[in-house]
Protein backbone atom coordinates (compact mmCIF):
# COMPACT_ATOMS: atom_id res chain seq x y z
CA MET A 1 -4.45 -15.34 -18.48
CA SER A 2 -5.18 -16.82 -14.96
CA THR A 3 -6.45 -14.58 -12.22
CA ASP A 4 -5.76 -17.29 -9.56
CA PHE A 5 -3.10 -16.57 -6.93
CA PRO A 6 -0.94 -19.17 -5.27
CA HIS A 7 -1.51 -19.87 -1.61
CA VAL A 8 -0.19 -17.22 0.62
CA THR A 9 2.02 -18.54 3.55
CA ALA A 10 1.94 -16.55 6.77
CA PRO A 11 5.23 -14.81 8.05
CA ASP A 12 7.50 -17.25 10.03
CA ALA A 13 6.12 -18.11 13.41
CA THR A 14 9.38 -19.38 14.75
CA ALA A 15 11.17 -16.14 13.91
CA ARG A 16 8.38 -14.30 15.40
CA ARG A 17 8.63 -16.02 18.82
CA GLU A 18 12.47 -15.67 18.77
CA ALA A 19 12.03 -11.77 18.00
CA VAL A 20 9.66 -11.61 21.10
CA ALA A 21 12.07 -13.42 23.16
CA ARG A 22 14.99 -11.34 21.91
CA HIS A 23 13.13 -8.04 22.90
CA GLU A 24 12.75 -9.36 26.41
CA ARG A 25 16.76 -9.65 26.53
CA LEU A 26 17.66 -6.37 25.31
CA THR A 27 18.84 -3.49 27.43
CA LYS A 28 15.48 -1.83 28.11
CA PRO A 29 12.23 -2.56 30.10
CA GLN A 30 10.02 -5.00 28.35
CA GLY A 31 7.65 -3.26 26.06
CA SER A 32 9.22 0.08 26.60
CA LEU A 33 9.50 0.78 22.96
CA GLY A 34 5.95 0.01 22.39
CA ARG A 35 4.81 -0.40 18.62
CA LEU A 36 8.44 -0.18 17.47
CA GLU A 37 8.93 -3.61 19.22
CA GLU A 38 5.88 -5.08 17.43
CA LEU A 39 7.04 -3.80 14.06
CA GLY A 40 10.54 -5.34 14.53
CA VAL A 41 8.81 -8.62 15.39
CA TRP A 42 6.79 -8.31 12.13
CA VAL A 43 9.94 -7.61 10.26
CA ALA A 44 11.65 -10.57 11.72
CA ALA A 45 8.71 -12.85 10.92
CA CYS A 46 8.61 -11.45 7.40
CA GLN A 47 12.33 -12.18 6.75
CA GLY A 48 12.14 -15.61 8.44
CA GLN A 49 15.16 -14.84 10.68
CA CYS A 50 15.98 -13.20 13.93
CA PRO A 51 17.60 -10.91 14.36
CA PRO A 52 16.26 -9.35 11.20
CA LYS A 53 18.79 -7.75 8.73
CA PRO A 54 18.43 -4.05 7.64
CA PHE A 55 16.59 -3.58 4.42
CA ALA A 56 18.96 -3.21 1.43
CA ARG A 57 16.64 -2.27 -1.37
CA PRO A 58 13.30 -0.72 -0.31
CA ARG A 59 11.37 0.17 -3.66
CA VAL A 60 8.29 2.33 -4.41
CA VAL A 61 6.27 1.51 -7.49
CA VAL A 62 3.96 4.27 -8.45
CA PHE A 63 0.82 2.94 -10.39
CA ALA A 64 -0.24 5.74 -12.78
CA GLY A 65 -3.54 5.89 -14.52
CA ASP A 66 -6.40 8.07 -15.64
CA HIS A 67 -10.15 7.65 -14.76
CA GLY A 68 -12.97 8.58 -16.89
CA VAL A 69 -15.04 9.81 -13.87
CA ALA A 70 -12.57 12.68 -13.58
CA ALA A 71 -14.55 14.36 -16.59
CA HIS A 72 -17.39 14.84 -14.44
CA GLY A 73 -16.27 17.24 -11.83
CA VAL A 74 -14.97 15.06 -9.11
CA SER A 75 -11.47 16.39 -8.78
CA ALA A 76 -9.99 19.81 -8.35
CA PHE A 77 -7.31 18.97 -10.99
CA PRO A 78 -7.66 18.36 -14.78
CA SER A 79 -6.89 14.94 -15.87
CA GLU A 80 -3.76 15.99 -17.87
CA VAL A 81 -1.96 16.40 -14.58
CA THR A 82 -1.53 12.60 -14.44
CA GLY A 83 0.59 12.36 -17.38
CA GLN A 84 2.46 15.63 -16.32
CA MET A 85 3.19 14.10 -13.02
CA VAL A 86 4.51 10.91 -14.58
CA ALA A 87 7.15 13.18 -16.34
CA ASN A 88 7.82 14.86 -12.85
CA PHE A 89 8.35 11.54 -11.26
CA LEU A 90 10.99 10.69 -13.94
CA THR A 91 12.89 13.81 -13.30
CA GLY A 92 12.98 13.51 -9.54
CA GLY A 93 10.60 16.55 -8.87
CA ALA A 94 7.83 14.95 -7.00
CA ALA A 95 7.26 14.53 -3.40
CA VAL A 96 7.62 10.77 -3.63
CA ASN A 97 11.10 11.29 -5.07
CA VAL A 98 12.31 13.58 -2.16
CA LEU A 99 10.73 11.33 0.60
CA ALA A 100 12.22 8.27 -0.94
CA SER A 101 15.76 9.78 -1.08
CA VAL A 102 15.41 10.59 2.67
CA ALA A 103 14.19 7.12 3.58
CA GLY A 104 16.78 5.28 1.43
CA ALA A 105 14.32 3.87 -1.17
CA THR A 106 14.20 4.14 -4.85
CA VAL A 107 11.17 4.88 -7.18
CA ARG A 108 9.68 3.42 -10.26
CA VAL A 109 6.62 4.76 -12.08
CA VAL A 110 4.50 2.39 -14.35
CA ASP A 111 1.89 3.77 -16.73
CA LEU A 112 -1.15 1.41 -16.77
CA SER A 113 -3.77 3.60 -18.18
CA VAL A 114 -2.44 7.39 -18.52
CA ASP A 115 -4.60 9.03 -21.15
CA THR A 116 -1.51 9.54 -23.31
CA ASP A 117 0.10 7.38 -26.05
CA GLY A 118 3.13 7.23 -23.80
CA ALA A 119 5.43 8.60 -26.53
CA GLY A 120 8.91 9.48 -25.28
CA LEU A 121 8.54 7.55 -21.98
CA PRO A 122 11.06 4.81 -21.13
CA GLU A 123 9.99 1.33 -21.96
CA GLN A 124 10.04 0.28 -18.28
CA VAL A 125 7.35 2.82 -17.80
CA THR A 126 5.08 1.81 -20.62
CA ALA A 127 5.73 -1.90 -20.97
CA HIS A 128 2.64 -2.80 -19.00
CA LYS A 129 0.06 -0.26 -20.36
CA VAL A 130 -3.36 -1.79 -20.58
CA ARG A 131 -5.32 1.12 -22.12
CA ARG A 132 -5.73 5.01 -22.24
CA SER A 133 -7.78 6.03 -19.24
CA SER A 134 -10.36 3.75 -17.63
CA GLY A 135 -14.13 3.86 -17.97
CA SER A 136 -16.24 6.18 -15.76
CA VAL A 137 -17.26 3.98 -12.86
CA ASP A 138 -20.45 5.90 -12.16
CA ARG A 139 -21.93 4.92 -15.52
CA GLU A 140 -19.90 2.09 -17.07
CA ASP A 141 -17.48 -0.72 -16.23
CA ALA A 142 -13.99 0.60 -15.67
CA LEU A 143 -12.50 -2.15 -17.83
CA SER A 144 -13.37 -5.00 -20.14
CA ASP A 145 -12.93 -8.56 -18.88
CA ALA A 146 -9.76 -8.80 -21.06
CA GLU A 147 -8.32 -5.51 -19.61
CA VAL A 148 -9.03 -6.48 -16.02
CA ARG A 149 -7.09 -9.71 -16.56
CA ALA A 150 -4.31 -7.84 -18.47
CA ALA A 151 -3.95 -5.36 -15.41
CA ILE A 152 -3.83 -8.28 -13.02
CA THR A 153 -1.27 -9.90 -14.94
CA ALA A 154 0.78 -6.73 -14.99
CA GLY A 155 0.58 -6.19 -11.31
CA ARG A 156 1.77 -9.78 -10.77
CA ALA A 157 4.50 -9.31 -13.31
CA ILE A 158 5.66 -5.98 -11.79
CA ALA A 159 5.89 -7.49 -8.27
CA ASP A 160 7.93 -10.38 -9.60
CA GLU A 161 10.17 -8.01 -11.45
CA GLU A 162 10.98 -6.02 -8.43
CA VAL A 163 11.33 -9.01 -5.98
CA ASP A 164 13.62 -10.85 -8.60
CA SER A 165 15.71 -7.62 -9.00
CA GLY A 166 16.35 -7.50 -5.25
CA ALA A 167 13.59 -5.54 -3.68
CA ASP A 168 13.26 -6.62 -0.01
CA LEU A 169 10.53 -4.17 1.03
CA LEU A 170 7.92 -2.73 -1.30
CA VAL A 171 5.63 0.50 -1.27
CA ALA A 172 2.59 0.84 -3.78
CA GLY A 173 2.16 4.51 -4.69
CA ASP A 174 -0.56 5.92 -6.95
CA MET A 175 -0.87 8.85 -9.54
CA GLY A 176 -4.40 9.49 -11.03
CA ILE A 177 -6.65 12.39 -11.13
CA GLY A 178 -10.01 11.04 -10.00
CA ASN A 179 -8.77 7.88 -8.60
CA THR A 180 -10.34 8.62 -5.07
CA THR A 181 -13.65 8.01 -6.51
CA PRO A 182 -13.26 4.48 -7.71
CA ALA A 183 -11.22 3.67 -4.57
CA SER A 184 -14.08 4.88 -2.44
CA VAL A 185 -16.52 2.80 -4.45
CA LEU A 186 -14.34 -0.20 -3.91
CA ILE A 187 -13.99 0.34 -0.11
CA ALA A 188 -17.77 1.00 0.19
CA ALA A 189 -18.58 -2.21 -1.61
CA LEU A 190 -16.20 -4.34 0.42
CA THR A 191 -17.18 -2.77 3.95
CA GLY A 192 -20.65 -2.20 3.45
CA ALA A 193 -20.47 1.46 4.04
CA GLU A 194 -22.72 4.17 2.44
CA PRO A 195 -21.50 6.63 -0.14
CA VAL A 196 -21.57 9.67 2.28
CA ALA A 197 -19.43 7.75 4.71
CA VAL A 198 -16.67 7.14 2.16
CA VAL A 199 -16.51 10.45 0.15
CA GLY A 200 -13.81 12.83 1.20
CA ARG A 201 -12.22 15.87 -0.49
CA GLY A 202 -9.70 14.24 -2.48
CA THR A 203 -7.36 16.74 -3.98
CA GLY A 204 -9.36 19.68 -2.43
CA ILE A 205 -12.76 19.89 -3.98
CA ASP A 206 -15.36 22.39 -2.87
CA ASP A 207 -18.86 21.47 -1.50
CA ARG A 208 -20.32 21.19 -5.14
CA GLY A 209 -17.56 18.98 -6.00
CA TRP A 210 -18.02 16.91 -3.08
CA MET A 211 -21.82 16.54 -3.97
CA ARG A 212 -20.92 15.46 -7.48
CA LYS A 213 -18.35 12.90 -5.98
CA ALA A 214 -20.91 11.51 -3.71
CA VAL A 215 -23.41 10.94 -6.61
CA ALA A 216 -20.71 9.38 -8.61
CA VAL A 217 -19.75 6.90 -5.81
CA ARG A 218 -23.55 6.26 -5.24
CA ASP A 219 -24.04 5.39 -8.77
CA GLY A 220 -20.83 3.27 -9.12
CA LEU A 221 -21.68 1.47 -5.88
CA ARG A 222 -25.05 0.31 -7.30
CA ARG A 223 -23.05 -1.67 -9.85
CA ALA A 224 -20.28 -2.58 -7.76
CA ARG A 225 -22.38 -4.24 -5.05
CA ARG A 226 -23.84 -6.66 -7.47
CA VAL A 227 -20.38 -8.27 -8.05
CA SER A 228 -18.65 -7.58 -4.63
CA GLY A 229 -18.27 -11.24 -3.95
CA ASP A 230 -15.98 -11.72 -6.93
CA PRO A 231 -12.92 -9.60 -6.61
CA VAL A 232 -11.88 -9.85 -10.50
CA ALA A 233 -15.47 -8.67 -11.38
CA LEU A 234 -15.33 -5.91 -8.77
CA LEU A 235 -12.15 -4.71 -10.21
CA ARG A 236 -13.68 -4.85 -13.78
CA ALA A 237 -16.65 -2.84 -12.66
CA ALA A 238 -15.27 -0.36 -10.32
CA SER A 239 -11.57 0.16 -10.32
CA GLY A 240 -9.20 1.04 -13.13
CA ALA A 241 -6.21 -0.53 -14.65
CA ASP A 242 -3.91 1.24 -12.14
CA ILE A 243 -5.86 -0.03 -9.24
CA ALA A 244 -6.39 -3.51 -10.42
CA ALA A 245 -2.65 -3.79 -11.20
CA MET A 246 -1.85 -2.39 -7.74
CA ALA A 247 -4.30 -5.14 -6.11
CA ALA A 248 -2.42 -7.83 -7.97
CA PHE A 249 0.96 -6.26 -6.94
CA LEU A 250 0.00 -6.39 -3.38
CA ALA A 251 -1.27 -9.91 -3.48
CA GLN A 252 1.92 -11.30 -5.36
CA ALA A 253 4.26 -9.47 -2.98
CA ALA A 254 2.65 -11.60 -0.14
CA VAL A 255 2.97 -14.72 -2.38
CA ARG A 256 6.59 -13.93 -2.73
CA ARG A 257 7.03 -13.38 0.98
CA THR A 258 8.10 -9.72 0.63
CA PRO A 259 6.74 -7.15 3.19
CA VAL A 260 4.77 -4.07 2.00
CA VAL A 261 4.34 -0.71 3.73
CA LEU A 262 0.67 0.47 2.45
CA ASP A 263 0.14 4.17 1.75
CA GLY A 264 -3.08 6.00 1.83
CA LEU A 265 -6.60 5.66 0.27
CA ILE A 266 -5.66 4.04 -3.03
CA SER A 267 -3.50 1.38 -1.66
CA ALA A 268 -5.84 0.55 0.96
CA ALA A 269 -8.62 0.03 -1.61
CA ALA A 270 -6.23 -1.97 -3.55
CA ALA A 271 -5.29 -3.93 -0.41
CA LEU A 272 -9.01 -4.80 0.44
CA VAL A 273 -9.36 -6.39 -2.98
CA ALA A 274 -5.78 -8.02 -2.84
CA GLU A 275 -6.97 -9.84 0.42
CA GLU A 276 -9.97 -11.21 -1.47
CA LEU A 277 -7.63 -12.26 -4.34
CA ALA A 278 -5.08 -13.87 -2.06
CA PRO A 279 -6.50 -14.62 1.43
CA GLY A 280 -3.86 -14.08 4.18
CA ALA A 281 -1.87 -11.45 2.20
CA SER A 282 -2.65 -8.83 4.70
CA ALA A 283 -0.13 -10.45 7.26
CA TRP A 284 2.55 -9.16 5.01
CA TRP A 285 1.51 -5.54 5.12
CA VAL A 286 1.78 -2.75 7.60
CA ALA A 287 -0.11 0.55 7.28
CA GLY A 288 2.26 3.38 6.96
CA HIS A 289 -0.30 6.05 7.98
CA ARG A 290 -3.95 7.18 8.13
CA SER A 291 -4.92 9.80 5.71
CA VAL A 292 -7.65 12.19 6.09
CA GLU A 293 -9.85 10.50 3.63
CA PRO A 294 -12.74 8.91 5.67
CA ALA A 295 -12.77 5.57 3.62
CA HIS A 296 -9.26 5.00 4.56
CA THR A 297 -10.10 4.39 8.15
CA LEU A 298 -12.88 2.10 7.03
CA ALA A 299 -10.47 0.09 4.94
CA LEU A 300 -7.77 -0.22 7.67
CA GLU A 301 -10.42 -1.31 10.15
CA GLN A 302 -11.47 -3.98 7.70
CA LEU A 303 -7.94 -5.03 7.13
CA ASP A 304 -7.14 -4.94 10.94
CA LEU A 305 -4.20 -2.82 10.42
CA THR A 306 -3.28 0.11 12.93
CA PRO A 307 -1.37 2.89 11.09
CA LEU A 308 2.08 3.93 12.25
CA LEU A 309 1.53 7.72 11.58
CA GLU A 310 -1.26 10.36 11.62
CA LEU A 311 0.02 13.31 9.81
CA ASP A 312 -3.16 14.30 7.85
CA LEU A 313 -1.53 13.47 4.61
CA ARG A 314 -3.79 13.24 1.59
CA LEU A 315 -1.23 13.31 -1.29
CA GLY A 316 -0.85 9.58 -2.33
CA GLU A 317 2.16 8.74 -4.53
CA GLY A 318 3.43 6.44 -1.66
CA SER A 319 4.21 9.62 0.42
CA GLY A 320 2.72 8.35 3.72
CA ALA A 321 4.44 4.89 3.47
CA LEU A 322 7.70 6.61 2.80
CA ALA A 323 7.28 8.92 5.90
CA ALA A 324 6.82 5.74 7.92
CA LEU A 325 9.65 3.79 6.41
CA PRO A 326 12.33 5.16 8.81
CA LEU A 327 10.29 3.81 11.76
CA VAL A 328 10.41 0.26 10.04
CA SER A 329 14.03 0.64 9.55
CA MET A 330 14.50 1.77 13.26
CA ALA A 331 12.39 -1.15 14.54
CA THR A 332 14.52 -3.50 12.46
CA ARG A 333 17.94 -2.22 13.59
CA VAL A 334 16.85 -1.93 17.25
CA LEU A 335 16.18 -5.58 17.33
CA ALA A 336 19.16 -6.41 15.26
CA GLU A 337 21.77 -4.13 16.87
CA MET A 338 20.77 -3.35 20.43
CA ALA A 339 22.72 -5.00 23.12
CA THR A 340 21.24 -7.72 25.28
CA PHE A 341 21.60 -7.38 29.19
CA GLU A 342 24.18 -10.23 29.13
CA ASP A 343 26.20 -8.64 26.22
CA ALA A 344 26.32 -5.19 27.94
CA GLY A 345 26.92 -6.53 31.45
CA VAL A 346 23.65 -4.75 32.59
CA SER A 347 21.63 -6.22 35.31
CA GLY A 348 18.24 -7.30 34.16
CA ARG A 349 14.87 -7.11 35.78
CA ASP A 350 15.16 -10.70 37.20
CA THR A 351 18.90 -10.27 38.45
CA PRO A 352 19.09 -11.63 41.95
CA LEU A 353 19.74 -8.98 44.68
CA PRO A 354 22.98 -9.21 46.50
CA THR A 355 22.83 -11.00 49.84
CA ASP A 356 24.14 -9.31 53.11
CA ALA A 357 27.59 -10.77 53.73
CA GLY A 358 27.72 -9.64 57.37
């Protein structure tokens, strides 16, 4: 199984220029809609057309997996919650389901490494399962060489499945008790940050839990830094099947010229690795929000992405990206549907002043 990605082409420069020019003709002072204007220009460039068209099939894919490090007191919740939440997603009872419904998106959950046998789950959920749980990154590799390659293959295949079935905007969500620990290791390895700078409270751990987590990140980082120049080796050492698949998903979405709204800490960690797997992929992403996890800010700075929202979110699942999705839709429709000065018969800034007839 190859882990090499095809070349990523940048969003369309001609459509970008046309979108900038169109904004100058719309019935508003130039720049008055601030970042909504920038967002609409990005959408037009991603779609390769101006005006852009409203998104017809936004799609959230939740990557689910357990992590061996959760057994060492780094999370406020037991690992069995991961499998229970997969069932909750499927019955529509989770935050991601509610937010997606409001934002006009649909949700798919994929079990990459939940610590169950997957019995009773639909085939679409378990078709890409790599293993039960991933290794504890503070003391062993998360995955074997064969498993990391299987996870990357799965992530690419999932992106292809979604794009081929009509998805025109993607969100990568996450579900996995303990997953903020490997995500923090990945971000520290790729940004050069120290463990104490990346460790947050996750699902709400107390001070003792935070110290255990900091030690786990420190120990995982010692191993991860040795392979930080090789994204596949880094995923093998310090991610998990869910995060490795998400990284490949984000890279392949860029290869397929499909825009992505990034969510929180986990998707940012995956995105950092995805940019290493497929340089230039980050041009196809926008950051939905900034979470309260300190490592998230470090990752966004490294990716040179400015978040659309700051709502103190720390849930994951794709929730922050979905909260931002209506802004993406608004920005797209403003550029597509707002009247120009000429269309509306409104005087523009450069309209000549009437001369005195007397």
